[in-house]
Amino acid sequence: DVHLFISQLHLAFLKFHNHVVDEVRRQGVAPDDVFREVQRIVRWHYQWIVINEFLPLTVGEKTMHDILDHGPRYFGAKSGQQPYIPVEFADAAYRFGHSQIRPRYTLNAYGAKGNVFPDCAGTNPVNHDRVIDWTYFFTIPDRRAPQASKLIDTTMAHSLMDLPERVVGSTDTPEEKSLAYRDLGRGSALDLPSGEAVAHFIGAQPLSREE
């Protein structure tokens, strides 16, 4: 299920890529080298955004500078091994983003609004009045303030707790429509370590049952 926001973000990257193609050709780069040069420039821009904006906003400036200055403490590809995303991150830690999803979004100046599901579920052509205006989502100089994400906490928007059948399939079990339930089920199926086990591994004090 390709979500409206994801598909529109992919489109923005495609447009940026094509703009860079035009710029690189204008600079006289040899035709055989254009794609390779464009690929490098686009990747570097994306990585710059991740390191200089996304990660500091997510983990804090202090943690980000510590990683940049001293490298990762608990994870790193072994010598000669291709870097990869560990399952503990992809299917557990990174799911904090689900709690940041707002109950409702304004999409653009036309006044289009909607819940993440089902209003913005995607998989269909995007009408002109529902095209995403990214000034409503990202901080852009001299433009309006974007909609803030929810805090990283233990709650989710209602639309994520009652996912539509097109996402979860037919089920008579209400819990199976909940993204929280599905996240926990996925972690169990992948035999992910518990939070306590990870805390012991990194030398941190595990939370108590009350916490």
N, C-alpha and C. Protein backbone atom coordinates (compact mmCIF):
# COMPACT_ATOMS: atom_id res chain seq x y z
N ASP A 1 0.85 -1.18 0.00
CA ASP A 1 0.00 0.00 0.00
C ASP A 1 0.89 1.24 0.00
N VAL A 2 1.03 1.87 -1.14
CA VAL A 2 1.88 3.07 -1.25
C VAL A 2 1.08 4.28 -0.77
N HIS A 3 1.50 4.81 0.35
CA HIS A 3 0.77 5.90 0.98
C HIS A 3 0.93 7.19 0.20
N LEU A 4 -0.07 8.07 0.30
CA LEU A 4 -0.05 9.35 -0.40
C LEU A 4 1.23 10.13 -0.08
N PHE A 5 1.58 10.23 1.20
CA PHE A 5 2.77 11.00 1.58
C PHE A 5 4.04 10.39 0.99
N ILE A 6 4.13 9.06 1.03
CA ILE A 6 5.33 8.39 0.52
C ILE A 6 5.44 8.56 -0.98
N SER A 7 4.35 8.36 -1.69
CA SER A 7 4.39 8.48 -3.15
C SER A 7 4.72 9.90 -3.58
N GLN A 8 4.18 10.90 -2.85
CA GLN A 8 4.48 12.29 -3.18
C GLN A 8 5.94 12.64 -2.85
N LEU A 9 6.48 12.03 -1.79
CA LEU A 9 7.89 12.26 -1.46
C LEU A 9 8.79 11.63 -2.52
N HIS A 10 8.43 10.44 -3.00
CA HIS A 10 9.17 9.81 -4.09
C HIS A 10 9.16 10.72 -5.32
N LEU A 11 8.01 11.31 -5.59
CA LEU A 11 7.90 12.22 -6.74
C LEU A 11 8.81 13.42 -6.56
N ALA A 12 8.89 13.96 -5.34
CA ALA A 12 9.77 15.11 -5.09
C ALA A 12 11.23 14.73 -5.34
N PHE A 13 11.63 13.53 -4.92
CA PHE A 13 13.00 13.07 -5.18
C PHE A 13 13.25 12.91 -6.68
N LEU A 14 12.28 12.38 -7.39
CA LEU A 14 12.43 12.22 -8.85
C LEU A 14 12.61 13.58 -9.52
N LYS A 15 11.81 14.56 -9.10
CA LYS A 15 11.92 15.89 -9.68
C LYS A 15 13.28 16.51 -9.37
N PHE A 16 13.74 16.31 -8.13
CA PHE A 16 15.06 16.84 -7.77
C PHE A 16 16.15 16.17 -8.60
N HIS A 17 16.05 14.85 -8.75
CA HIS A 17 17.01 14.10 -9.57
C HIS A 17 17.06 14.66 -10.98
N ASN A 18 15.89 14.88 -11.59
CA ASN A 18 15.85 15.37 -12.97
C ASN A 18 16.37 16.80 -13.08
N HIS A 19 16.13 17.59 -12.03
CA HIS A 19 16.67 18.95 -12.03
C HIS A 19 18.20 18.92 -12.00
N VAL A 20 18.75 18.00 -11.20
CA VAL A 20 20.21 17.86 -11.13
C VAL A 20 20.76 17.37 -12.47
N VAL A 21 20.04 16.48 -13.15
CA VAL A 21 20.45 16.03 -14.48
C VAL A 21 20.62 17.24 -15.41
N ASP A 22 19.61 18.11 -15.41
CA ASP A 22 19.68 19.30 -16.27
C ASP A 22 20.88 20.17 -15.90
N GLU A 23 21.13 20.34 -14.60
CA GLU A 23 22.23 21.19 -14.15
C GLU A 23 23.58 20.59 -14.51
N VAL A 24 23.72 19.27 -14.34
CA VAL A 24 24.98 18.61 -14.65
C VAL A 24 25.27 18.67 -16.15
N ARG A 25 24.25 18.47 -16.95
CA ARG A 25 24.44 18.58 -18.40
C ARG A 25 24.81 20.01 -18.78
N ARG A 26 24.19 20.99 -18.11
CA ARG A 26 24.50 22.40 -18.40
C ARG A 26 25.96 22.70 -18.10
N GLN A 27 26.51 22.00 -17.10
CA GLN A 27 27.91 22.21 -16.72
C GLN A 27 28.88 21.51 -17.66
N GLY A 28 28.36 20.74 -18.63
CA GLY A 28 29.21 20.13 -19.63
C GLY A 28 29.81 18.79 -19.25
N VAL A 29 29.22 18.10 -18.26
CA VAL A 29 29.71 16.78 -17.88
C VAL A 29 29.51 15.82 -19.06
N ALA A 30 30.49 14.97 -19.31
CA ALA A 30 30.42 14.02 -20.43
C ALA A 30 29.17 13.15 -20.30
N PRO A 31 28.46 12.89 -21.41
CA PRO A 31 27.21 12.12 -21.36
C PRO A 31 27.33 10.79 -20.62
N ASP A 32 28.44 10.08 -20.81
CA ASP A 32 28.60 8.78 -20.15
C ASP A 32 28.75 8.91 -18.63
N ASP A 33 29.08 10.11 -18.15
CA ASP A 33 29.31 10.31 -16.72
C ASP A 33 28.14 11.00 -16.01
N VAL A 34 27.12 11.40 -16.78
CA VAL A 34 26.03 12.19 -16.20
C VAL A 34 25.30 11.43 -15.09
N PHE A 35 24.86 10.21 -15.39
CA PHE A 35 24.07 9.48 -14.39
C PHE A 35 24.86 9.25 -13.11
N ARG A 36 26.13 8.85 -13.25
CA ARG A 36 26.96 8.58 -12.07
C ARG A 36 27.14 9.85 -11.22
N GLU A 37 27.36 10.98 -11.88
CA GLU A 37 27.55 12.24 -11.16
C GLU A 37 26.25 12.68 -10.49
N VAL A 38 25.14 12.53 -11.20
CA VAL A 38 23.84 12.91 -10.62
C VAL A 38 23.52 12.03 -9.41
N GLN A 39 23.77 10.74 -9.52
CA GLN A 39 23.53 9.80 -8.42
C GLN A 39 24.32 10.23 -7.18
N ARG A 40 25.58 10.61 -7.38
CA ARG A 40 26.42 11.05 -6.26
C ARG A 40 25.86 12.31 -5.61
N ILE A 41 25.50 13.30 -6.41
CA ILE A 41 25.01 14.57 -5.88
C ILE A 41 23.70 14.37 -5.11
N VAL A 42 22.78 13.60 -5.68
CA VAL A 42 21.49 13.39 -5.02
C VAL A 42 21.67 12.63 -3.72
N ARG A 43 22.52 11.60 -3.71
CA ARG A 43 22.78 10.86 -2.47
C ARG A 43 23.40 11.76 -1.41
N TRP A 44 24.34 12.58 -1.81
CA TRP A 44 25.00 13.47 -0.85
C TRP A 44 24.01 14.47 -0.24
N HIS A 45 23.11 14.99 -1.06
CA HIS A 45 22.09 15.90 -0.52
C HIS A 45 21.21 15.18 0.50
N TYR A 46 20.79 13.97 0.17
CA TYR A 46 19.94 13.20 1.08
C TYR A 46 20.68 12.90 2.38
N GLN A 47 21.94 12.48 2.28
CA GLN A 47 22.73 12.18 3.48
C GLN A 47 22.96 13.43 4.32
N TRP A 48 23.16 14.56 3.66
CA TRP A 48 23.35 15.82 4.40
C TRP A 48 22.11 16.14 5.22
N ILE A 49 20.93 15.97 4.63
CA ILE A 49 19.68 16.24 5.35
C ILE A 49 19.54 15.31 6.55
N VAL A 50 19.85 14.02 6.36
CA VAL A 50 19.73 13.05 7.45
C VAL A 50 20.65 13.43 8.60
N ILE A 51 21.91 13.74 8.30
CA ILE A 51 22.91 14.00 9.34
C ILE A 51 22.72 15.38 9.99
N ASN A 52 22.35 16.37 9.22
CA ASN A 52 22.31 17.74 9.74
C ASN A 52 20.93 18.21 10.19
N GLU A 53 19.87 17.47 9.82
CA GLU A 53 18.54 17.90 10.25
C GLU A 53 17.76 16.77 10.92
N PHE A 54 17.55 15.66 10.22
CA PHE A 54 16.68 14.61 10.75
C PHE A 54 17.23 14.00 12.05
N LEU A 55 18.48 13.57 12.03
CA LEU A 55 19.03 12.91 13.21
C LEU A 55 19.17 13.86 14.41
N PRO A 56 19.69 15.09 14.24
CA PRO A 56 19.74 15.99 15.41
C PRO A 56 18.36 16.26 16.01
N LEU A 57 17.32 16.39 15.16
CA LEU A 57 15.97 16.61 15.67
C LEU A 57 15.45 15.38 16.39
N THR A 58 15.91 14.20 15.98
CA THR A 58 15.37 12.95 16.53
C THR A 58 16.11 12.50 17.78
N VAL A 59 17.43 12.48 17.73
CA VAL A 59 18.21 11.96 18.87
C VAL A 59 18.86 13.06 19.70
N GLY A 60 18.85 14.31 19.20
CA GLY A 60 19.45 15.41 19.92
C GLY A 60 20.85 15.74 19.40
N GLU A 61 21.19 17.00 19.49
CA GLU A 61 22.50 17.47 19.00
C GLU A 61 23.65 16.77 19.73
N LYS A 62 23.52 16.59 21.05
CA LYS A 62 24.61 16.00 21.83
C LYS A 62 24.93 14.59 21.36
N THR A 63 23.90 13.76 21.21
CA THR A 63 24.12 12.39 20.76
C THR A 63 24.68 12.36 19.35
N MET A 64 24.15 13.23 18.48
CA MET A 64 24.61 13.25 17.10
C MET A 64 26.09 13.62 17.02
N HIS A 65 26.51 14.63 17.78
CA HIS A 65 27.92 15.03 17.76
C HIS A 65 28.81 13.94 18.35
N ASP A 66 28.31 13.23 19.35
CA ASP A 66 29.09 12.15 19.95
C ASP A 66 29.36 11.05 18.91
N ILE A 67 28.33 10.72 18.13
CA ILE A 67 28.49 9.68 17.10
C ILE A 67 29.43 10.15 16.00
N LEU A 68 29.29 11.40 15.58
CA LEU A 68 30.16 11.92 14.53
C LEU A 68 31.62 12.00 15.00
N ASP A 69 31.82 12.33 16.28
CA ASP A 69 33.19 12.49 16.80
C ASP A 69 33.84 11.16 17.16
N HIS A 70 33.04 10.22 17.68
CA HIS A 70 33.61 8.98 18.21
C HIS A 70 33.16 7.71 17.51
N GLY A 71 32.21 7.85 16.58
CA GLY A 71 31.73 6.67 15.87
C GLY A 71 30.70 5.90 16.68
N PRO A 72 30.06 4.91 16.06
CA PRO A 72 29.05 4.11 16.79
C PRO A 72 29.69 3.23 17.86
N ARG A 73 29.00 3.09 18.99
CA ARG A 73 29.52 2.30 20.10
C ARG A 73 29.06 0.85 20.05
N TYR A 74 27.84 0.62 19.57
CA TYR A 74 27.24 -0.70 19.73
C TYR A 74 27.01 -1.45 18.43
N PHE A 75 27.15 -0.79 17.31
CA PHE A 75 26.90 -1.45 16.03
C PHE A 75 27.82 -0.90 14.97
N GLY A 76 28.33 -1.80 14.15
CA GLY A 76 29.14 -1.38 13.01
C GLY A 76 29.44 -2.58 12.14
N ALA A 77 29.50 -2.35 10.85
CA ALA A 77 29.81 -3.45 9.93
C ALA A 77 31.24 -3.93 10.18
N LYS A 78 31.43 -5.22 10.13
CA LYS A 78 32.76 -5.78 10.32
C LYS A 78 33.63 -5.47 9.11
N SER A 79 34.93 -5.59 9.27
CA SER A 79 35.86 -5.28 8.20
C SER A 79 35.53 -6.10 6.95
N GLY A 80 35.40 -5.41 5.81
CA GLY A 80 35.09 -6.08 4.55
C GLY A 80 33.63 -6.39 4.36
N GLN A 81 32.79 -6.08 5.34
CA GLN A 81 31.36 -6.38 5.25
C GLN A 81 30.59 -5.15 4.79
N GLN A 82 29.62 -5.37 3.93
CA GLN A 82 28.78 -4.26 3.49
C GLN A 82 27.92 -3.77 4.66
N PRO A 83 27.80 -2.46 4.85
CA PRO A 83 26.91 -1.96 5.91
C PRO A 83 25.48 -2.43 5.66
N TYR A 84 24.74 -2.65 6.74
CA TYR A 84 23.36 -3.09 6.62
C TYR A 84 22.57 -2.53 7.81
N ILE A 85 21.26 -2.54 7.67
CA ILE A 85 20.39 -2.08 8.75
C ILE A 85 20.00 -3.27 9.60
N PRO A 86 20.38 -3.30 10.88
CA PRO A 86 20.05 -4.46 11.72
C PRO A 86 18.55 -4.56 11.96
N VAL A 87 18.06 -5.79 12.09
CA VAL A 87 16.63 -6.01 12.27
C VAL A 87 16.14 -5.38 13.56
N GLU A 88 17.00 -5.30 14.58
CA GLU A 88 16.59 -4.66 15.84
C GLU A 88 16.24 -3.19 15.63
N PHE A 89 16.86 -2.57 14.62
CA PHE A 89 16.55 -1.18 14.32
C PHE A 89 15.33 -1.08 13.40
N ALA A 90 15.37 -1.81 12.29
CA ALA A 90 14.31 -1.68 11.29
C ALA A 90 12.95 -2.10 11.82
N ASP A 91 12.91 -3.16 12.63
CA ASP A 91 11.63 -3.72 13.06
C ASP A 91 11.31 -3.45 14.52
N ALA A 92 12.12 -2.65 15.20
CA ALA A 92 11.82 -2.31 16.60
C ALA A 92 12.09 -0.83 16.83
N ALA A 93 13.35 -0.45 16.96
CA ALA A 93 13.67 0.91 17.38
C ALA A 93 13.07 1.97 16.47
N TYR A 94 13.12 1.76 15.16
CA TYR A 94 12.68 2.82 14.23
C TYR A 94 11.17 2.98 14.22
N ARG A 95 10.44 2.09 14.88
CA ARG A 95 8.98 2.20 14.89
C ARG A 95 8.50 3.30 15.82
N PHE A 96 9.43 4.00 16.49
CA PHE A 96 9.00 5.16 17.29
C PHE A 96 8.24 6.16 16.43
N GLY A 97 8.55 6.16 15.13
CA GLY A 97 7.91 7.12 14.23
C GLY A 97 6.40 6.97 14.16
N HIS A 98 5.90 5.78 14.46
CA HIS A 98 4.45 5.58 14.43
C HIS A 98 3.75 6.47 15.46
N SER A 99 4.40 6.71 16.60
CA SER A 99 3.76 7.55 17.62
C SER A 99 3.78 9.03 17.22
N GLN A 100 4.61 9.39 16.24
CA GLN A 100 4.71 10.80 15.84
C GLN A 100 3.63 11.21 14.84
N ILE A 101 2.90 10.25 14.31
CA ILE A 101 1.89 10.55 13.28
C ILE A 101 0.71 11.27 13.91
N ARG A 102 0.33 12.39 13.33
CA ARG A 102 -0.77 13.21 13.83
C ARG A 102 -2.11 12.55 13.51
N PRO A 103 -3.15 12.86 14.31
CA PRO A 103 -4.48 12.33 13.99
C PRO A 103 -5.00 12.83 12.64
N ARG A 104 -4.62 14.07 12.26
CA ARG A 104 -5.16 14.66 11.03
C ARG A 104 -4.13 15.63 10.46
N TYR A 105 -4.10 15.72 9.13
CA TYR A 105 -3.15 16.60 8.45
C TYR A 105 -3.87 17.54 7.50
N THR A 106 -3.33 18.75 7.36
CA THR A 106 -3.69 19.64 6.26
C THR A 106 -2.66 19.42 5.16
N LEU A 107 -3.13 19.16 3.94
CA LEU A 107 -2.23 18.76 2.86
C LEU A 107 -1.69 19.94 2.06
N ASN A 108 -2.51 21.00 1.93
CA ASN A 108 -2.10 22.11 1.06
C ASN A 108 -3.00 23.31 1.27
N ALA A 109 -2.76 24.37 0.50
CA ALA A 109 -3.52 25.61 0.65
C ALA A 109 -4.95 25.49 0.14
N TYR A 110 -5.27 24.42 -0.58
CA TYR A 110 -6.65 24.21 -1.04
C TYR A 110 -7.55 23.80 0.12
N GLY A 111 -6.95 23.51 1.27
CA GLY A 111 -7.74 23.12 2.43
C GLY A 111 -7.99 21.63 2.54
N ALA A 112 -7.34 20.83 1.69
CA ALA A 112 -7.51 19.38 1.77
C ALA A 112 -6.96 18.88 3.10
N LYS A 113 -7.74 18.05 3.78
CA LYS A 113 -7.33 17.50 5.07
C LYS A 113 -7.62 16.01 5.07
N GLY A 114 -7.03 15.31 6.04
CA GLY A 114 -7.35 13.90 6.14
C GLY A 114 -6.55 13.18 7.20
N ASN A 115 -7.09 12.04 7.64
CA ASN A 115 -6.35 11.12 8.49
C ASN A 115 -5.35 10.36 7.64
N VAL A 116 -4.33 9.80 8.28
CA VAL A 116 -3.37 8.98 7.54
C VAL A 116 -4.10 7.83 6.87
N PHE A 117 -4.98 7.14 7.61
CA PHE A 117 -5.86 6.12 7.05
C PHE A 117 -7.28 6.46 7.46
N PRO A 118 -8.25 6.34 6.57
CA PRO A 118 -8.11 5.89 5.18
C PRO A 118 -7.95 7.04 4.17
N ASP A 119 -8.01 8.30 4.65
CA ASP A 119 -8.08 9.44 3.74
C ASP A 119 -6.86 9.58 2.84
N CYS A 120 -5.68 9.20 3.34
CA CYS A 120 -4.43 9.39 2.59
C CYS A 120 -3.77 8.06 2.25
N ALA A 121 -4.57 7.03 2.06
CA ALA A 121 -4.02 5.68 1.89
C ALA A 121 -3.29 5.49 0.57
N GLY A 122 -3.57 6.28 -0.44
CA GLY A 122 -2.86 6.15 -1.71
C GLY A 122 -3.42 5.06 -2.60
N THR A 123 -2.54 4.53 -3.47
CA THR A 123 -2.86 3.49 -4.49
C THR A 123 -3.88 3.97 -5.51
N ASN A 124 -3.95 5.27 -5.72
CA ASN A 124 -4.86 5.80 -6.73
C ASN A 124 -4.30 7.13 -7.23
N PRO A 125 -4.73 7.60 -8.39
CA PRO A 125 -4.24 8.89 -8.89
C PRO A 125 -4.51 10.01 -7.88
N VAL A 126 -3.61 10.99 -7.84
CA VAL A 126 -3.73 12.11 -6.89
C VAL A 126 -4.39 13.28 -7.60
N ASN A 127 -5.55 13.69 -7.12
CA ASN A 127 -6.23 14.85 -7.69
C ASN A 127 -5.42 16.11 -7.41
N HIS A 128 -5.58 17.10 -8.29
CA HIS A 128 -4.81 18.34 -8.16
C HIS A 128 -4.99 18.99 -6.80
N ASP A 129 -6.20 18.95 -6.26
CA ASP A 129 -6.45 19.62 -4.99
C ASP A 129 -5.95 18.82 -3.78
N ARG A 130 -5.34 17.65 -4.03
CA ARG A 130 -4.79 16.86 -2.92
C ARG A 130 -3.27 16.65 -3.07
N VAL A 131 -2.65 17.38 -3.99
CA VAL A 131 -1.19 17.32 -4.12
C VAL A 131 -0.56 17.89 -2.86
N ILE A 132 0.46 17.21 -2.34
CA ILE A 132 1.10 17.65 -1.11
C ILE A 132 1.89 18.94 -1.33
N ASP A 133 1.65 19.93 -0.48
CA ASP A 133 2.46 21.14 -0.43
C ASP A 133 3.43 20.93 0.73
N TRP A 134 4.73 20.75 0.42
CA TRP A 134 5.69 20.36 1.45
C TRP A 134 6.01 21.46 2.45
N THR A 135 5.56 22.69 2.19
CA THR A 135 5.74 23.73 3.20
C THR A 135 4.86 23.46 4.42
N TYR A 136 3.87 22.59 4.27
CA TYR A 136 3.02 22.21 5.40
C TYR A 136 3.67 21.11 6.25
N PHE A 137 4.82 20.56 5.78
CA PHE A 137 5.43 19.42 6.46
C PHE A 137 6.91 19.63 6.82
N PHE A 138 7.61 20.48 6.07
CA PHE A 138 9.03 20.71 6.32
C PHE A 138 9.30 22.19 6.55
N THR A 139 10.31 22.48 7.36
CA THR A 139 10.70 23.87 7.59
C THR A 139 11.44 24.38 6.37
N ILE A 140 10.89 25.39 5.73
CA ILE A 140 11.48 26.00 4.54
C ILE A 140 11.63 27.49 4.81
N PRO A 141 12.83 28.05 4.60
CA PRO A 141 13.05 29.46 4.92
C PRO A 141 12.02 30.39 4.30
N ASP A 142 11.57 31.36 5.10
CA ASP A 142 10.64 32.40 4.65
C ASP A 142 9.27 31.86 4.26
N ARG A 143 8.92 30.66 4.74
CA ARG A 143 7.59 30.11 4.48
C ARG A 143 6.90 29.83 5.81
N ARG A 144 5.66 29.39 5.76
CA ARG A 144 4.89 29.11 6.96
C ARG A 144 5.55 28.04 7.82
N ALA A 145 5.22 28.06 9.10
CA ALA A 145 5.71 27.01 9.99
C ALA A 145 4.97 25.71 9.66
N PRO A 146 5.67 24.59 9.54
CA PRO A 146 5.01 23.32 9.20
C PRO A 146 4.23 22.76 10.38
N GLN A 147 3.39 21.77 10.09
CA GLN A 147 2.67 21.07 11.15
C GLN A 147 3.67 20.24 11.96
N ALA A 148 3.62 20.39 13.26
CA ALA A 148 4.55 19.66 14.11
C ALA A 148 4.13 18.19 14.21
N SER A 149 5.12 17.31 14.30
CA SER A 149 4.83 15.90 14.56
C SER A 149 4.36 15.76 16.00
N LYS A 150 3.65 14.65 16.28
CA LYS A 150 3.36 14.32 17.66
C LYS A 150 4.66 13.99 18.38
N LEU A 151 4.63 14.05 19.70
CA LEU A 151 5.79 13.67 20.48
C LEU A 151 6.05 12.17 20.37
N ILE A 152 7.29 11.78 20.57
CA ILE A 152 7.62 10.36 20.66
C ILE A 152 7.16 9.90 22.05
N ASP A 153 6.07 9.14 22.07
CA ASP A 153 5.52 8.71 23.35
C ASP A 153 4.88 7.33 23.20
N THR A 154 3.96 6.99 24.09
CA THR A 154 3.36 5.65 24.08
C THR A 154 1.96 5.63 23.51
N THR A 155 1.57 6.68 22.79
CA THR A 155 0.22 6.72 22.21
C THR A 155 0.31 6.83 20.69
N MET A 156 -0.75 6.33 20.03
CA MET A 156 -0.85 6.42 18.57
C MET A 156 -2.17 7.07 18.19
N ALA A 157 -2.18 7.70 17.02
CA ALA A 157 -3.42 8.27 16.49
C ALA A 157 -4.45 7.16 16.29
N HIS A 158 -5.71 7.51 16.49
CA HIS A 158 -6.78 6.50 16.41
C HIS A 158 -6.79 5.79 15.06
N SER A 159 -6.50 6.52 13.98
CA SER A 159 -6.56 5.91 12.65
C SER A 159 -5.53 4.78 12.49
N LEU A 160 -4.49 4.77 13.34
CA LEU A 160 -3.50 3.69 13.30
C LEU A 160 -3.91 2.51 14.16
N MET A 161 -4.92 2.70 14.99
CA MET A 161 -5.40 1.63 15.85
C MET A 161 -6.60 0.92 15.25
N ASP A 162 -7.08 1.43 14.11
CA ASP A 162 -8.23 0.82 13.43
C ASP A 162 -7.97 0.88 11.93
N LEU A 163 -6.94 0.16 11.48
CA LEU A 163 -6.51 0.20 10.09
C LEU A 163 -7.58 -0.41 9.18
N PRO A 164 -7.71 0.12 7.95
CA PRO A 164 -8.73 -0.39 7.03
C PRO A 164 -8.40 -1.79 6.52
N GLU A 165 -9.40 -2.48 6.04
CA GLU A 165 -9.25 -3.86 5.56
C GLU A 165 -8.27 -3.94 4.39
N ARG A 166 -8.19 -2.89 3.58
CA ARG A 166 -7.27 -2.91 2.43
C ARG A 166 -5.82 -3.01 2.89
N VAL A 167 -5.54 -2.66 4.16
CA VAL A 167 -4.20 -2.73 4.71
C VAL A 167 -3.96 -4.05 5.44
N VAL A 168 -4.91 -4.44 6.29
CA VAL A 168 -4.71 -5.60 7.16
C VAL A 168 -5.35 -6.88 6.64
N GLY A 169 -6.23 -6.75 5.62
CA GLY A 169 -6.95 -7.93 5.15
C GLY A 169 -8.17 -8.19 6.02
N SER A 170 -8.91 -9.22 5.69
CA SER A 170 -10.13 -9.55 6.42
C SER A 170 -9.79 -10.26 7.73
N THR A 171 -10.33 -9.77 8.83
CA THR A 171 -10.07 -10.38 10.13
C THR A 171 -11.25 -10.13 11.06
N ASP A 172 -11.54 -11.11 11.92
CA ASP A 172 -12.58 -10.95 12.94
C ASP A 172 -11.98 -10.59 14.29
N THR A 173 -10.64 -10.44 14.33
CA THR A 173 -9.94 -10.09 15.57
C THR A 173 -9.65 -8.60 15.58
N PRO A 174 -10.34 -7.82 16.41
CA PRO A 174 -10.16 -6.36 16.39
C PRO A 174 -8.71 -5.93 16.58
N GLU A 175 -7.96 -6.65 17.43
CA GLU A 175 -6.58 -6.27 17.71
C GLU A 175 -5.71 -6.29 16.46
N GLU A 176 -6.04 -7.14 15.50
CA GLU A 176 -5.23 -7.26 14.29
C GLU A 176 -5.35 -6.04 13.39
N LYS A 177 -6.29 -5.15 13.70
CA LYS A 177 -6.40 -3.90 12.96
C LYS A 177 -5.54 -2.79 13.55
N SER A 178 -4.89 -3.07 14.67
CA SER A 178 -4.08 -2.09 15.38
C SER A 178 -2.63 -2.17 14.93
N LEU A 179 -2.04 -1.03 14.57
CA LEU A 179 -0.64 -1.01 14.16
C LEU A 179 0.28 -1.38 15.33
N ALA A 180 -0.10 -1.00 16.55
CA ALA A 180 0.69 -1.37 17.72
C ALA A 180 0.75 -2.89 17.87
N TYR A 181 -0.41 -3.53 17.74
CA TYR A 181 -0.48 -4.99 17.83
C TYR A 181 0.35 -5.63 16.74
N ARG A 182 0.26 -5.09 15.53
CA ARG A 182 0.98 -5.66 14.40
C ARG A 182 2.49 -5.47 14.56
N ASP A 183 2.90 -4.34 15.13
CA ASP A 183 4.33 -4.13 15.41
C ASP A 183 4.85 -5.16 16.40
N LEU A 184 4.07 -5.40 17.48
CA LEU A 184 4.48 -6.38 18.48
C LEU A 184 4.50 -7.79 17.90
N GLY A 185 3.50 -8.10 17.07
CA GLY A 185 3.47 -9.41 16.43
C GLY A 185 4.65 -9.63 15.51
N ARG A 186 5.03 -8.58 14.79
CA ARG A 186 6.18 -8.67 13.89
C ARG A 186 7.47 -8.92 14.68
N GLY A 187 7.61 -8.20 15.80
CA GLY A 187 8.79 -8.39 16.64
C GLY A 187 8.88 -9.80 17.19
N SER A 188 7.73 -10.35 17.59
CA SER A 188 7.70 -11.72 18.11
C SER A 188 8.06 -12.72 17.02
N ALA A 189 7.51 -12.50 15.82
CA ALA A 189 7.78 -13.43 14.71
C ALA A 189 9.25 -13.43 14.32
N LEU A 190 9.91 -12.28 14.47
CA LEU A 190 11.33 -12.16 14.12
C LEU A 190 12.25 -12.48 15.29
N ASP A 191 11.65 -12.86 16.44
CA ASP A 191 12.43 -13.23 17.62
C ASP A 191 13.38 -12.10 18.04
N LEU A 192 12.86 -10.88 18.06
CA LEU A 192 13.67 -9.74 18.46
C LEU A 192 13.99 -9.81 19.95
N PRO A 193 15.15 -9.30 20.36
CA PRO A 193 15.46 -9.28 21.78
C PRO A 193 14.55 -8.31 22.51
N SER A 194 14.34 -8.55 23.80
CA SER A 194 13.52 -7.64 24.60
C SER A 194 14.28 -6.35 24.88
N GLY A 195 13.54 -5.32 25.31
CA GLY A 195 14.19 -4.08 25.71
C GLY A 195 15.18 -4.29 26.84
N GLU A 196 14.83 -5.21 27.77
CA GLU A 196 15.72 -5.50 28.89
C GLU A 196 17.03 -6.12 28.39
N ALA A 197 16.92 -7.03 27.40
CA ALA A 197 18.12 -7.68 26.87
C ALA A 197 19.04 -6.67 26.19
N VAL A 198 18.44 -5.74 25.44
CA VAL A 198 19.24 -4.70 24.78
C VAL A 198 19.89 -3.80 25.82
N ALA A 199 19.13 -3.45 26.87
CA ALA A 199 19.69 -2.60 27.93
C ALA A 199 20.90 -3.28 28.58
N HIS A 200 20.80 -4.57 28.88
CA HIS A 200 21.93 -5.29 29.47
C HIS A 200 23.13 -5.29 28.52
N PHE A 201 22.85 -5.44 27.22
CA PHE A 201 23.93 -5.50 26.22
C PHE A 201 24.73 -4.20 26.17
N ILE A 202 24.03 -3.07 26.31
CA ILE A 202 24.73 -1.77 26.21
C ILE A 202 25.12 -1.23 27.59
N GLY A 203 24.84 -2.01 28.65
CA GLY A 203 25.24 -1.56 29.99
C GLY A 203 24.34 -0.52 30.58
N ALA A 204 23.06 -0.50 30.16
CA ALA A 204 22.10 0.47 30.71
C ALA A 204 21.20 -0.23 31.72
N GLN A 205 20.57 0.55 32.58
CA GLN A 205 19.66 -0.01 33.59
C GLN A 205 18.29 -0.24 32.94
N PRO A 206 17.81 -1.47 32.90
CA PRO A 206 16.48 -1.71 32.32
C PRO A 206 15.38 -1.01 33.11
N LEU A 207 14.30 -0.67 32.43
CA LEU A 207 13.15 -0.06 33.11
C LEU A 207 12.52 -1.09 34.04
N SER A 208 11.94 -0.62 35.12
CA SER A 208 11.20 -1.51 36.02
C SER A 208 9.83 -1.80 35.40
N ARG A 209 9.12 -2.78 35.96
CA ARG A 209 7.79 -3.11 35.45
C ARG A 209 6.87 -1.91 35.61
N GLU A 210 7.01 -1.16 36.72
CA GLU A 210 6.17 0.01 36.93
C GLU A 210 6.44 1.09 35.88
N GLU A 211 7.74 1.29 35.56
CA GLU A 211 8.10 2.29 34.55
C GLU A 211 7.57 1.88 33.19
